[in-house]
mmCIF file of all heavy atoms, coordinates in Angstrom:
data_MODEL
# 
_entry.id   MODEL 
# 
loop_
_atom_site.group_PDB 
_atom_site.id 
_atom_site.type_symbol 
_atom_site.label_atom_id 
_atom_site.label_alt_id 
_atom_site.label_comp_id 
_atom_site.label_asym_id 
_atom_site.label_entity_id 
_atom_site.label_seq_id 
_atom_site.pdbx_PDB_ins_code 
_atom_site.Cartn_x 
_atom_site.Cartn_y 
_atom_site.Cartn_z 
_atom_site.occupancy 
_atom_site.B_iso_or_equiv 
_atom_site.pdbx_formal_charge 
_atom_site.auth_seq_id 
_atom_site.auth_comp_id 
_atom_site.auth_asym_id 
_atom_site.auth_atom_id 
_atom_site.pdbx_PDB_model_num 
ATOM 1   N N   . ARG A 1 1  ? 0.819  -1.212 -0.006 1.00 0.00 ? 1  ARG A N   1 
ATOM 2   C CA  . ARG A 1 1  ? -0.002 0.003  0.007  1.00 0.00 ? 1  ARG A CA  1 
ATOM 3   C C   . ARG A 1 1  ? 0.855  1.266  -0.011 1.00 0.00 ? 1  ARG A C   1 
ATOM 4   O O   . ARG A 1 1  ? 0.339  2.359  -0.276 1.00 0.00 ? 1  ARG A O   1 
ATOM 5   C CB  . ARG A 1 1  ? -0.932 -0.003 1.219  1.00 0.00 ? 1  ARG A CB  1 
ATOM 6   C CG  . ARG A 1 1  ? -1.955 -1.116 1.206  1.00 0.00 ? 1  ARG A CG  1 
ATOM 7   C CD  . ARG A 1 1  ? -2.694 -1.219 2.528  1.00 0.00 ? 1  ARG A CD  1 
ATOM 8   N NE  . ARG A 1 1  ? -3.468 -2.461 2.601  1.00 0.00 ? 1  ARG A NE  1 
ATOM 9   C CZ  . ARG A 1 1  ? -3.983 -2.971 3.723  1.00 0.00 ? 1  ARG A CZ  1 
ATOM 10  N NH1 . ARG A 1 1  ? -3.811 -2.322 4.887  1.00 0.00 ? 1  ARG A NH1 1 
ATOM 11  N NH2 . ARG A 1 1  ? -4.655 -4.107 3.709  1.00 0.00 ? 1  ARG A NH2 1 
ATOM 12  N N   . LEU A 1 2  ? 2.120  1.134  0.349  1.00 0.00 ? 2  LEU A N   1 
ATOM 13  C CA  . LEU A 1 2  ? 3.018  2.274  0.361  1.00 0.00 ? 2  LEU A CA  1 
ATOM 14  C C   . LEU A 1 2  ? 3.487  2.595  -1.050 1.00 0.00 ? 2  LEU A C   1 
ATOM 15  O O   . LEU A 1 2  ? 3.861  1.705  -1.802 1.00 0.00 ? 2  LEU A O   1 
ATOM 16  C CB  . LEU A 1 2  ? 4.242  1.992  1.230  1.00 0.00 ? 2  LEU A CB  1 
ATOM 17  C CG  . LEU A 1 2  ? 4.025  1.760  2.730  1.00 0.00 ? 2  LEU A CG  1 
ATOM 18  C CD1 . LEU A 1 2  ? 5.321  1.284  3.375  1.00 0.00 ? 2  LEU A CD1 1 
ATOM 19  C CD2 . LEU A 1 2  ? 3.532  3.036  3.400  1.00 0.00 ? 2  LEU A CD2 1 
ATOM 20  N N   . THR A 1 3  ? 3.496  3.860  -1.395 1.00 0.00 ? 3  THR A N   1 
ATOM 21  C CA  . THR A 1 3  ? 4.127  4.274  -2.629 1.00 0.00 ? 3  THR A CA  1 
ATOM 22  C C   . THR A 1 3  ? 5.639  4.253  -2.438 1.00 0.00 ? 3  THR A C   1 
ATOM 23  O O   . THR A 1 3  ? 6.128  4.258  -1.300 1.00 0.00 ? 3  THR A O   1 
ATOM 24  C CB  . THR A 1 3  ? 3.701  5.692  -3.029 1.00 0.00 ? 3  THR A CB  1 
ATOM 25  O OG1 . THR A 1 3  ? 4.210  6.610  -2.054 1.00 0.00 ? 3  THR A OG1 1 
ATOM 26  C CG2 . THR A 1 3  ? 2.183  5.799  -3.118 1.00 0.00 ? 3  THR A CG2 1 
ATOM 27  N N   . PRO A 1 4  ? 6.427  4.246  -3.524 1.00 0.00 ? 4  PRO A N   1 
ATOM 28  C CA  . PRO A 1 4  ? 7.882  4.348  -3.354 1.00 0.00 ? 4  PRO A CA  1 
ATOM 29  C C   . PRO A 1 4  ? 8.300  5.580  -2.549 1.00 0.00 ? 4  PRO A C   1 
ATOM 30  O O   . PRO A 1 4  ? 9.248  5.524  -1.765 1.00 0.00 ? 4  PRO A O   1 
ATOM 31  C CB  . PRO A 1 4  ? 8.396  4.402  -4.807 1.00 0.00 ? 4  PRO A CB  1 
ATOM 32  C CG  . PRO A 1 4  ? 7.375  3.663  -5.597 1.00 0.00 ? 4  PRO A CG  1 
ATOM 33  C CD  . PRO A 1 4  ? 6.055  3.992  -4.939 1.00 0.00 ? 4  PRO A CD  1 
ATOM 34  N N   . GLU A 1 5  ? 7.554  6.693  -2.729 1.00 0.00 ? 5  GLU A N   1 
ATOM 35  C CA  . GLU A 1 5  ? 7.862  7.909  -1.982 1.00 0.00 ? 5  GLU A CA  1 
ATOM 36  C C   . GLU A 1 5  ? 7.558  7.719  -0.490 1.00 0.00 ? 5  GLU A C   1 
ATOM 37  O O   . GLU A 1 5  ? 8.318  8.186  0.375  1.00 0.00 ? 5  GLU A O   1 
ATOM 38  C CB  . GLU A 1 5  ? 7.057  9.088  -2.533 1.00 0.00 ? 5  GLU A CB  1 
ATOM 39  C CG  . GLU A 1 5  ? 7.425  9.520  -3.934 1.00 0.00 ? 5  GLU A CG  1 
ATOM 40  C CD  . GLU A 1 5  ? 6.941  8.573  -5.022 1.00 0.00 ? 5  GLU A CD  1 
ATOM 41  O OE1 . GLU A 1 5  ? 5.972  7.797  -4.751 1.00 0.00 ? 5  GLU A OE1 1 
ATOM 42  O OE2 . GLU A 1 5  ? 7.493  8.619  -6.132 1.00 0.00 ? 5  GLU A OE2 1 
ATOM 43  N N   . ASP A 1 6  ? 6.459  7.038  -0.173 1.00 0.00 ? 6  ASP A N   1 
ATOM 44  C CA  . ASP A 1 6  ? 6.133  6.736  1.226  1.00 0.00 ? 6  ASP A CA  1 
ATOM 45  C C   . ASP A 1 6  ? 7.214  5.876  1.854  1.00 0.00 ? 6  ASP A C   1 
ATOM 46  O O   . ASP A 1 6  ? 7.634  6.104  2.986  1.00 0.00 ? 6  ASP A O   1 
ATOM 47  C CB  . ASP A 1 6  ? 4.794  5.978  1.303  1.00 0.00 ? 6  ASP A CB  1 
ATOM 48  C CG  . ASP A 1 6  ? 3.598  6.835  0.999  1.00 0.00 ? 6  ASP A CG  1 
ATOM 49  O OD1 . ASP A 1 6  ? 3.692  8.076  1.126  1.00 0.00 ? 6  ASP A OD1 1 
ATOM 50  O OD2 . ASP A 1 6  ? 2.556  6.254  0.646  1.00 0.00 ? 6  ASP A OD2 1 
ATOM 51  N N   . LEU A 1 7  ? 7.627  4.873  1.115  1.00 0.00 ? 7  LEU A N   1 
ATOM 52  C CA  . LEU A 1 7  ? 8.646  3.952  1.644  1.00 0.00 ? 7  LEU A CA  1 
ATOM 53  C C   . LEU A 1 7  ? 9.922  4.706  1.951  1.00 0.00 ? 7  LEU A C   1 
ATOM 54  O O   . LEU A 1 7  ? 10.509 4.528  3.037  1.00 0.00 ? 7  LEU A O   1 
ATOM 55  C CB  . LEU A 1 7  ? 8.889  2.860  0.605  1.00 0.00 ? 7  LEU A CB  1 
ATOM 56  C CG  . LEU A 1 7  ? 9.753  1.659  1.024  1.00 0.00 ? 7  LEU A CG  1 
ATOM 57  C CD1 . LEU A 1 7  ? 9.367  0.408  0.206  1.00 0.00 ? 7  LEU A CD1 1 
ATOM 58  C CD2 . LEU A 1 7  ? 11.226 1.953  0.821  1.00 0.00 ? 7  LEU A CD2 1 
ATOM 59  N N   . SER A 1 8  ? 10.352 5.560  1.032  1.00 0.00 ? 8  SER A N   1 
ATOM 60  C CA  . SER A 1 8  ? 11.560 6.349  1.246  1.00 0.00 ? 8  SER A CA  1 
ATOM 61  C C   . SER A 1 8  ? 11.420 7.281  2.447  1.00 0.00 ? 8  SER A C   1 
ATOM 62  O O   . SER A 1 8  ? 12.347 7.464  3.244  1.00 0.00 ? 8  SER A O   1 
ATOM 63  C CB  . SER A 1 8  ? 11.888 7.155  -0.010 1.00 0.00 ? 8  SER A CB  1 
ATOM 64  O OG  . SER A 1 8  ? 13.063 7.913  0.171  1.00 0.00 ? 8  SER A OG  1 
ATOM 65  N N   . ALA A 1 9  ? 10.224 7.854  2.597  1.00 0.00 ? 9  ALA A N   1 
ATOM 66  C CA  . ALA A 1 9  ? 9.997  8.796  3.694  1.00 0.00 ? 9  ALA A CA  1 
ATOM 67  C C   . ALA A 1 9  ? 10.065 8.105  5.050  1.00 0.00 ? 9  ALA A C   1 
ATOM 68  O O   . ALA A 1 9  ? 10.722 8.581  5.981  1.00 0.00 ? 9  ALA A O   1 
ATOM 69  C CB  . ALA A 1 9  ? 8.634  9.477  3.501  1.00 0.00 ? 9  ALA A CB  1 
ATOM 70  N N   . VAL A 1 10 ? 9.382  6.993  5.187  1.00 0.00 ? 10 VAL A N   1 
ATOM 71  C CA  . VAL A 1 10 ? 9.315  6.356  6.493  1.00 0.00 ? 10 VAL A CA  1 
ATOM 72  C C   . VAL A 1 10 ? 10.665 5.748  6.898  1.00 0.00 ? 10 VAL A C   1 
ATOM 73  O O   . VAL A 1 10 ? 11.052 5.788  8.068  1.00 0.00 ? 10 VAL A O   1 
ATOM 74  C CB  . VAL A 1 10 ? 8.165  5.317  6.545  1.00 0.00 ? 10 VAL A CB  1 
ATOM 75  C CG1 . VAL A 1 10 ? 8.523  4.041  5.796  1.00 0.00 ? 10 VAL A CG1 1 
ATOM 76  C CG2 . VAL A 1 10 ? 7.779  5.016  7.996  1.00 0.00 ? 10 VAL A CG2 1 
ATOM 77  N N   . THR A 1 11 ? 11.410 5.217  5.947  1.00 0.00 ? 11 THR A N   1 
ATOM 78  C CA  . THR A 1 11 ? 12.712 4.665  6.300  1.00 0.00 ? 11 THR A CA  1 
ATOM 79  C C   . THR A 1 11 ? 13.695 5.767  6.670  1.00 0.00 ? 11 THR A C   1 
ATOM 80  O O   . THR A 1 11 ? 14.512 5.592  7.574  1.00 0.00 ? 11 THR A O   1 
ATOM 81  C CB  . THR A 1 11 ? 13.274 3.795  5.180  1.00 0.00 ? 11 THR A CB  1 
ATOM 82  O OG1 . THR A 1 11 ? 13.447 4.563  3.984  1.00 0.00 ? 11 THR A OG1 1 
ATOM 83  C CG2 . THR A 1 11 ? 12.380 2.591  4.899  1.00 0.00 ? 11 THR A CG2 1 
ATOM 84  N N   . ALA A 1 12 ? 13.618 6.903  5.961  1.00 0.00 ? 12 ALA A N   1 
ATOM 85  C CA  . ALA A 1 12 ? 14.508 8.027  6.313  1.00 0.00 ? 12 ALA A CA  1 
ATOM 86  C C   . ALA A 1 12 ? 14.226 8.517  7.726  1.00 0.00 ? 12 ALA A C   1 
ATOM 87  O O   . ALA A 1 12 ? 15.161 8.782  8.503  1.00 0.00 ? 12 ALA A O   1 
ATOM 88  C CB  . ALA A 1 12 ? 14.320 9.172  5.315  1.00 0.00 ? 12 ALA A CB  1 
ATOM 89  N N   . TRP A 1 13 ? 12.951 8.619  8.072  1.00 0.00 ? 13 TRP A N   1 
ATOM 90  C CA  . TRP A 1 13 ? 12.599 9.116  9.413  1.00 0.00 ? 13 TRP A CA  1 
ATOM 91  C C   . TRP A 1 13 ? 13.004 8.094  10.478 1.00 0.00 ? 13 TRP A C   1 
ATOM 92  O O   . TRP A 1 13 ? 13.604 8.459  11.493 1.00 0.00 ? 13 TRP A O   1 
ATOM 93  C CB  . TRP A 1 13 ? 11.112 9.414  9.473  1.00 0.00 ? 13 TRP A CB  1 
ATOM 94  C CG  . TRP A 1 13 ? 10.725 10.079 10.755 1.00 0.00 ? 13 TRP A CG  1 
ATOM 95  C CD1 . TRP A 1 13 ? 10.803 11.412 11.040 1.00 0.00 ? 13 TRP A CD1 1 
ATOM 96  C CD2 . TRP A 1 13 ? 10.237 9.442  11.945 1.00 0.00 ? 13 TRP A CD2 1 
ATOM 97  N NE1 . TRP A 1 13 ? 10.391 11.652 12.333 1.00 0.00 ? 13 TRP A NE1 1 
ATOM 98  C CE2 . TRP A 1 13 ? 10.023 10.445 12.915 1.00 0.00 ? 13 TRP A CE2 1 
ATOM 99  C CE3 . TRP A 1 13 ? 9.942  8.118  12.275 1.00 0.00 ? 13 TRP A CE3 1 
ATOM 100 C CZ2 . TRP A 1 13 ? 9.560  10.170 14.191 1.00 0.00 ? 13 TRP A CZ2 1 
ATOM 101 C CZ3 . TRP A 1 13 ? 9.461  7.818  13.546 1.00 0.00 ? 13 TRP A CZ3 1 
ATOM 102 C CH2 . TRP A 1 13 ? 9.270  8.846  14.501 1.00 0.00 ? 13 TRP A CH2 1 
ATOM 103 N N   . LEU A 1 14 ? 12.667 6.823  10.272 1.00 0.00 ? 14 LEU A N   1 
ATOM 104 C CA  . LEU A 1 14 ? 12.996 5.819  11.281 1.00 0.00 ? 14 LEU A CA  1 
ATOM 105 C C   . LEU A 1 14 ? 14.492 5.716  11.533 1.00 0.00 ? 14 LEU A C   1 
ATOM 106 O O   . LEU A 1 14 ? 14.942 5.623  12.684 1.00 0.00 ? 14 LEU A O   1 
ATOM 107 C CB  . LEU A 1 14 ? 12.447 4.451  10.844 1.00 0.00 ? 14 LEU A CB  1 
ATOM 108 C CG  . LEU A 1 14 ? 10.942 4.244  10.893 1.00 0.00 ? 14 LEU A CG  1 
ATOM 109 C CD1 . LEU A 1 14 ? 10.555 2.935  10.199 1.00 0.00 ? 14 LEU A CD1 1 
ATOM 110 C CD2 . LEU A 1 14 ? 10.429 4.251  12.333 1.00 0.00 ? 14 LEU A CD2 1 
ATOM 111 N N   . ALA A 1 15 ? 15.269 5.700  10.459 1.00 0.00 ? 15 ALA A N   1 
ATOM 112 C CA  . ALA A 1 15 ? 16.716 5.494  10.595 1.00 0.00 ? 15 ALA A CA  1 
ATOM 113 C C   . ALA A 1 15 ? 17.408 6.655  11.289 1.00 0.00 ? 15 ALA A C   1 
ATOM 114 O O   . ALA A 1 15 ? 18.527 6.487  11.795 1.00 0.00 ? 15 ALA A O   1 
ATOM 115 C CB  . ALA A 1 15 ? 17.334 5.244  9.217  1.00 0.00 ? 15 ALA A CB  1 
ATOM 116 N N   . SER A 1 16 ? 16.785 7.810  11.317 1.00 0.00 ? 16 SER A N   1 
ATOM 117 C CA  . SER A 1 16 ? 17.423 8.989  11.898 1.00 0.00 ? 16 SER A CA  1 
ATOM 118 C C   . SER A 1 16 ? 16.977 9.296  13.329 1.00 0.00 ? 16 SER A C   1 
ATOM 119 O O   . SER A 1 16 ? 17.482 10.243 13.938 1.00 0.00 ? 16 SER A O   1 
ATOM 120 C CB  . SER A 1 16 ? 17.144 10.226 11.025 1.00 0.00 ? 16 SER A CB  1 
ATOM 121 O OG  . SER A 1 16 ? 15.756 10.516 10.996 1.00 0.00 ? 16 SER A OG  1 
ATOM 122 N N   . GLN A 1 17 ? 16.062 8.493  13.871 1.00 0.00 ? 17 GLN A N   1 
ATOM 123 C CA  . GLN A 1 17 ? 15.519 8.790  15.187 1.00 0.00 ? 17 GLN A CA  1 
ATOM 124 C C   . GLN A 1 17 ? 16.462 8.382  16.321 1.00 0.00 ? 17 GLN A C   1 
ATOM 125 O O   . GLN A 1 17 ? 17.087 7.320  16.275 1.00 0.00 ? 17 GLN A O   1 
ATOM 126 C CB  . GLN A 1 17 ? 14.169 8.102  15.377 1.00 0.00 ? 17 GLN A CB  1 
ATOM 127 C CG  . GLN A 1 17 ? 13.096 8.635  14.459 1.00 0.00 ? 17 GLN A CG  1 
ATOM 128 C CD  . GLN A 1 17 ? 13.003 10.135 14.501 1.00 0.00 ? 17 GLN A CD  1 
ATOM 129 O OE1 . GLN A 1 17 ? 12.633 10.717 15.520 1.00 0.00 ? 17 GLN A OE1 1 
ATOM 130 N NE2 . GLN A 1 17 ? 13.347 10.786 13.403 1.00 0.00 ? 17 GLN A NE2 1 
ATOM 131 N N   . PRO A 1 18 ? 16.562 9.218  17.368 1.00 0.00 ? 18 PRO A N   1 
ATOM 132 C CA  . PRO A 1 18 ? 17.361 8.830  18.523 1.00 0.00 ? 18 PRO A CA  1 
ATOM 133 C C   . PRO A 1 18 ? 16.696 7.675  19.281 1.00 0.00 ? 18 PRO A C   1 
ATOM 134 O O   . PRO A 1 18 ? 15.477 7.483  19.195 1.00 0.00 ? 18 PRO A O   1 
ATOM 135 C CB  . PRO A 1 18 ? 17.377 10.115 19.364 1.00 0.00 ? 18 PRO A CB  1 
ATOM 136 C CG  . PRO A 1 18 ? 16.123 10.840 18.978 1.00 0.00 ? 18 PRO A CG  1 
ATOM 137 C CD  . PRO A 1 18 ? 15.923 10.538 17.519 1.00 0.00 ? 18 PRO A CD  1 
ATOM 138 N N   . LEU A 1 19 ? 17.518 6.927  19.979 1.00 0.00 ? 19 LEU A N   1 
ATOM 139 C CA  . LEU A 1 19 ? 17.000 5.812  20.766 1.00 0.00 ? 19 LEU A CA  1 
ATOM 140 C C   . LEU A 1 19 ? 16.492 6.310  22.110 1.00 0.00 ? 19 LEU A C   1 
ATOM 141 O O   . LEU A 1 19 ? 17.112 7.190  22.720 1.00 0.00 ? 19 LEU A O   1 
ATOM 142 C CB  . LEU A 1 19 ? 18.094 4.757  20.984 1.00 0.00 ? 19 LEU A CB  1 
ATOM 143 C CG  . LEU A 1 19 ? 18.383 3.751  19.873 1.00 0.00 ? 19 LEU A CG  1 
ATOM 144 C CD1 . LEU A 1 19 ? 17.158 2.925  19.548 1.00 0.00 ? 19 LEU A CD1 1 
ATOM 145 C CD2 . LEU A 1 19 ? 18.919 4.422  18.654 1.00 0.00 ? 19 LEU A CD2 1 
ATOM 146 N N   . PRO A 1 20 ? 15.369 5.774  22.597 1.00 0.00 ? 20 PRO A N   1 
ATOM 147 C CA  . PRO A 1 20 ? 14.894 6.173  23.922 1.00 0.00 ? 20 PRO A CA  1 
ATOM 148 C C   . PRO A 1 20 ? 15.816 5.585  25.001 1.00 0.00 ? 20 PRO A C   1 
ATOM 149 O O   . PRO A 1 20 ? 16.604 4.667  24.725 1.00 0.00 ? 20 PRO A O   1 
ATOM 150 C CB  . PRO A 1 20 ? 13.497 5.549  23.989 1.00 0.00 ? 20 PRO A CB  1 
ATOM 151 C CG  . PRO A 1 20 ? 13.570 4.375  23.070 1.00 0.00 ? 20 PRO A CG  1 
ATOM 152 C CD  . PRO A 1 20 ? 14.499 4.781  21.952 1.00 0.00 ? 20 PRO A CD  1 
ATOM 153 N N   . PRO A 1 21 ? 15.718 6.065  26.228 1.00 0.00 ? 21 PRO A N   1 
ATOM 154 C CA  . PRO A 1 21 ? 16.560 5.518  27.306 1.00 0.00 ? 21 PRO A CA  1 
ATOM 155 C C   . PRO A 1 21 ? 16.383 4.022  27.489 1.00 0.00 ? 21 PRO A C   1 
ATOM 156 O O   . PRO A 1 21 ? 17.366 3.310  27.758 1.00 0.00 ? 21 PRO A O   1 
ATOM 157 C CB  . PRO A 1 21 ? 16.098 6.304  28.546 1.00 0.00 ? 21 PRO A CB  1 
ATOM 158 C CG  . PRO A 1 21 ? 15.550 7.583  27.993 1.00 0.00 ? 21 PRO A CG  1 
ATOM 159 C CD  . PRO A 1 21 ? 14.915 7.234  26.692 1.00 0.00 ? 21 PRO A CD  1 
ATOM 160 N N   . ASP A 1 22 ? 15.169 3.528  27.363 1.00 0.00 ? 22 ASP A N   1 
ATOM 161 C CA  . ASP A 1 22 ? 14.895 2.096  27.478 1.00 0.00 ? 22 ASP A CA  1 
ATOM 162 C C   . ASP A 1 22 ? 14.591 1.542  26.083 1.00 0.00 ? 22 ASP A C   1 
ATOM 163 O O   . ASP A 1 22 ? 13.554 1.860  25.502 1.00 0.00 ? 22 ASP A O   1 
ATOM 164 C CB  . ASP A 1 22 ? 13.722 1.843  28.413 1.00 0.00 ? 22 ASP A CB  1 
ATOM 165 C CG  . ASP A 1 22 ? 13.507 0.353  28.708 1.00 0.00 ? 22 ASP A CG  1 
ATOM 166 O OD1 . ASP A 1 22 ? 14.216 -0.485 28.097 1.00 0.00 ? 22 ASP A OD1 1 
ATOM 167 O OD2 . ASP A 1 22 ? 12.646 0.038  29.537 1.00 0.00 ? 22 ASP A OD2 1 
ATOM 168 N N   . THR A 1 23 ? 15.520 0.790  25.554 1.00 0.00 ? 23 THR A N   1 
ATOM 169 C CA  . THR A 1 23 ? 15.384 0.271  24.185 1.00 0.00 ? 23 THR A CA  1 
ATOM 170 C C   . THR A 1 23 ? 14.752 -1.107 24.120 1.00 0.00 ? 23 THR A C   1 
ATOM 171 O O   . THR A 1 23 ? 14.604 -1.678 23.044 1.00 0.00 ? 23 THR A O   1 
ATOM 172 C CB  . THR A 1 23 ? 16.750 0.230  23.495 1.00 0.00 ? 23 THR A CB  1 
ATOM 173 O OG1 . THR A 1 23 ? 17.637 -0.622 24.247 1.00 0.00 ? 23 THR A OG1 1 
ATOM 174 C CG2 . THR A 1 23 ? 17.367 1.622  23.391 1.00 0.00 ? 23 THR A CG2 1 
ATOM 175 N N   . ARG A 1 24 ? 14.368 -1.664 25.272 1.00 0.00 ? 24 ARG A N   1 
ATOM 176 C CA  . ARG A 1 24 ? 13.818 -3.012 25.281 1.00 0.00 ? 24 ARG A CA  1 
ATOM 177 C C   . ARG A 1 24 ? 12.388 -3.031 24.739 1.00 0.00 ? 24 ARG A C   1 
ATOM 178 O O   . ARG A 1 24 ? 11.655 -2.054 24.876 1.00 0.00 ? 24 ARG A O   1 
ATOM 179 C CB  . ARG A 1 24 ? 13.828 -3.559 26.711 1.00 0.00 ? 24 ARG A CB  1 
ATOM 180 C CG  . ARG A 1 24 ? 15.219 -3.801 27.266 1.00 0.00 ? 24 ARG A CG  1 
ATOM 181 C CD  . ARG A 1 24 ? 15.163 -4.165 28.742 1.00 0.00 ? 24 ARG A CD  1 
ATOM 182 N NE  . ARG A 1 24 ? 14.603 -3.063 29.533 1.00 0.00 ? 24 ARG A NE  1 
ATOM 183 C CZ  . ARG A 1 24 ? 14.460 -3.105 30.851 1.00 0.00 ? 24 ARG A CZ  1 
ATOM 184 N NH1 . ARG A 1 24 ? 14.805 -4.180 31.523 1.00 0.00 ? 24 ARG A NH1 1 
ATOM 185 N NH2 . ARG A 1 24 ? 13.951 -2.054 31.495 1.00 0.00 ? 24 ARG A NH2 1 
ATOM 186 N N   . PRO A 1 25 ? 11.997 -4.151 24.120 1.00 0.00 ? 25 PRO A N   1 
ATOM 187 C CA  . PRO A 1 25 ? 10.605 -4.266 23.671 1.00 0.00 ? 25 PRO A CA  1 
ATOM 188 C C   . PRO A 1 25 ? 9.654  -4.241 24.857 1.00 0.00 ? 25 PRO A C   1 
ATOM 189 O O   . PRO A 1 25 ? 9.995  -4.723 25.940 1.00 0.00 ? 25 PRO A O   1 
ATOM 190 C CB  . PRO A 1 25 ? 10.563 -5.608 22.947 1.00 0.00 ? 25 PRO A CB  1 
ATOM 191 C CG  . PRO A 1 25 ? 11.740 -6.372 23.455 1.00 0.00 ? 25 PRO A CG  1 
ATOM 192 C CD  . PRO A 1 25 ? 12.788 -5.362 23.799 1.00 0.00 ? 25 PRO A CD  1 
ATOM 193 N N   . VAL A 1 26 ? 8.470  -3.673 24.636 1.00 0.00 ? 26 VAL A N   1 
ATOM 194 C CA  . VAL A 1 26 ? 7.492  -3.612 25.722 1.00 0.00 ? 26 VAL A CA  1 
ATOM 195 C C   . VAL A 1 26 ? 6.744  -4.936 25.818 1.00 0.00 ? 26 VAL A C   1 
ATOM 196 O O   . VAL A 1 26 ? 6.728  -5.727 24.880 1.00 0.00 ? 26 VAL A O   1 
ATOM 197 C CB  . VAL A 1 26 ? 6.503  -2.441 25.508 1.00 0.00 ? 26 VAL A CB  1 
ATOM 198 C CG1 . VAL A 1 26 ? 7.237  -1.119 25.537 1.00 0.00 ? 26 VAL A CG1 1 
ATOM 199 C CG2 . VAL A 1 26 ? 5.732  -2.604 24.204 1.00 0.00 ? 26 VAL A CG2 1 
ATOM 200 N N   . ALA A 1 27 ? 6.117  -5.157 26.958 1.00 0.00 ? 27 ALA A N   1 
ATOM 201 C CA  . ALA A 1 27 ? 5.433  -6.429 27.198 1.00 0.00 ? 27 ALA A CA  1 
ATOM 202 C C   . ALA A 1 27 ? 4.161  -6.561 26.372 1.00 0.00 ? 27 ALA A C   1 
ATOM 203 O O   . ALA A 1 27 ? 3.806  -7.667 25.950 1.00 0.00 ? 27 ALA A O   1 
ATOM 204 C CB  . ALA A 1 27 ? 5.107  -6.575 28.680 1.00 0.00 ? 27 ALA A CB  1 
ATOM 205 N N   . ARG A 1 28 ? 3.476  -5.442 26.119 1.00 0.00 ? 28 ARG A N   1 
ATOM 206 C CA  . ARG A 1 28 ? 2.204  -5.505 25.386 1.00 0.00 ? 28 ARG A CA  1 
ATOM 207 C C   . ARG A 1 28 ? 1.867  -4.122 24.847 1.00 0.00 ? 28 ARG A C   1 
ATOM 208 O O   . ARG A 1 28 ? 2.393  -3.105 25.307 1.00 0.00 ? 28 ARG A O   1 
ATOM 209 C CB  . ARG A 1 28 ? 1.069  -6.005 26.288 1.00 0.00 ? 28 ARG A CB  1 
ATOM 210 C CG  . ARG A 1 28 ? 0.773  -5.086 27.469 1.00 0.00 ? 28 ARG A CG  1 
ATOM 211 C CD  . ARG A 1 28 ? -0.242 -5.690 28.407 1.00 0.00 ? 28 ARG A CD  1 
ATOM 212 N NE  . ARG A 1 28 ? 0.245  -6.919 28.976 1.00 0.00 ? 28 ARG A NE  1 
ATOM 213 C CZ  . ARG A 1 28 ? 1.022  -6.983 30.059 1.00 0.00 ? 28 ARG A CZ  1 
ATOM 214 N NH1 . ARG A 1 28 ? 1.410  -5.860 30.680 1.00 0.00 ? 28 ARG A NH1 1 
ATOM 215 N NH2 . ARG A 1 28 ? 1.429  -8.135 30.536 1.00 0.00 ? 28 ARG A NH2 1 
# 
């Protein structure tokens, strides 16, 4: 459902985000 432009946008944003203090997966 993502356009190529959407795909590029979301990966650029995700890859540039700082990590939170707690990087562990949440329980639910």
